[in-house]
Amino acid sequence: MSVISMKERGDNDRLALLLISRLERLSADSYWAHQASGLRGSLLHSLERRTNNAHLSSMITRGFEILEKAAKEKTR
């Protein structure tokens, strides 16, 4: 693994952990809470198994999409 990809992996790991903690805070009444629960599990599994960085990046992107949609739902 190159130095650049090691740094990127570390950044993604930290971002995934932050995202996991934010997804845990979604209201159980939210439609998005169910989506977030599955994604949190996938993120944790990916971090434990050290899966490829592209897959982790994809899940991180999806997590931020869920947070954004949940926030829009709450403001209605």
Protein backbone atom coordinates (compact mmCIF):
# COMPACT_ATOMS: atom_id res chain seq x y z
CA MET A 1 0.00 0.00 0.00
CA SER A 2 1.42 3.37 -0.94
CA VAL A 3 1.84 6.24 1.51
CA ILE A 4 -0.94 8.20 -0.20
CA SER A 5 -3.43 5.35 -0.03
CA MET A 6 -2.48 4.71 3.63
CA LYS A 7 -3.27 8.34 4.46
CA GLU A 8 -6.49 8.20 2.49
CA ARG A 9 -7.44 4.99 4.31
CA GLY A 10 -6.84 6.67 7.67
CA ASP A 11 -8.94 9.69 6.68
CA ASN A 12 -11.76 7.44 5.51
CA ASP A 13 -11.60 5.41 8.71
CA ARG A 14 -11.92 8.54 10.83
CA LEU A 15 -14.71 9.88 8.64
CA ALA A 16 -16.56 6.55 8.83
CA LEU A 17 -16.36 6.56 12.64
CA LEU A 18 -17.67 10.12 12.79
CA LEU A 19 -20.47 9.23 10.41
CA ILE A 20 -21.41 6.16 12.46
CA SER A 21 -21.84 8.33 15.56
CA ARG A 22 -24.00 10.83 13.65
CA LEU A 23 -26.18 8.13 12.10
CA GLU A 24 -26.81 6.68 15.59
CA ARG A 25 -28.44 9.94 16.62
CA LEU A 26 -31.25 9.87 14.06
CA SER A 27 -34.68 9.76 15.63
CA ALA A 28 -36.20 6.28 15.72
CA ASP A 29 -39.35 7.84 14.24
CA SER A 30 -37.49 8.83 11.10
CA TYR A 31 -37.82 6.78 7.93
CA TRP A 32 -34.10 7.29 7.52
CA ALA A 33 -33.25 5.70 10.87
CA HIS A 34 -33.85 2.24 9.44
CA GLN A 35 -31.64 3.00 6.45
CA ALA A 36 -28.99 4.41 8.77
CA SER A 37 -29.02 1.30 10.95
CA GLY A 38 -28.11 -0.98 8.07
CA LEU A 39 -25.44 1.38 6.83
CA ARG A 40 -23.90 1.72 10.31
CA GLY A 41 -23.56 -2.05 10.47
CA SER A 42 -21.96 -2.15 7.04
CA LEU A 43 -19.53 0.61 7.93
CA LEU A 44 -18.50 -1.13 11.14
CA HIS A 45 -18.08 -4.42 9.31
CA SER A 46 -16.01 -2.72 6.62
CA LEU A 47 -13.73 -1.10 9.21
CA GLU A 48 -13.27 -4.40 11.04
CA ARG A 49 -12.51 -6.33 7.87
CA ARG A 50 -10.40 -3.57 6.32
CA THR A 51 -12.28 -3.85 3.03
CA ASN A 52 -11.24 -1.86 -0.01
CA ASN A 53 -11.18 1.89 0.23
CA ALA A 54 -13.47 2.47 -2.78
CA HIS A 55 -16.28 0.51 -1.12
CA LEU A 56 -15.79 2.39 2.15
CA SER A 57 -15.87 5.72 0.28
CA SER A 58 -19.11 4.70 -1.40
CA MET A 59 -20.72 3.89 1.95
CA ILE A 60 -19.50 7.18 3.44
CA THR A 61 -21.12 9.06 0.57
CA ARG A 62 -24.38 7.15 1.14
CA GLY A 63 -24.23 7.96 4.85
CA PHE A 64 -24.00 11.68 4.21
CA GLU A 65 -26.91 11.42 1.79
CA ILE A 66 -29.00 9.77 4.51
CA LEU A 67 -28.05 12.45 7.04
CA GLU A 68 -28.97 15.18 4.57
CA LYS A 69 -32.36 13.63 3.79
CA ALA A 70 -33.08 13.06 7.48
CA ALA A 71 -32.27 16.70 8.23
CA LYS A 72 -34.59 17.88 5.46
CA GLU A 73 -37.34 15.62 6.80
CA LYS A 74 -36.94 17.09 10.28
CA THR A 75 -37.24 20.68 9.08
CA ARG A 76 -40.64 20.08 7.46
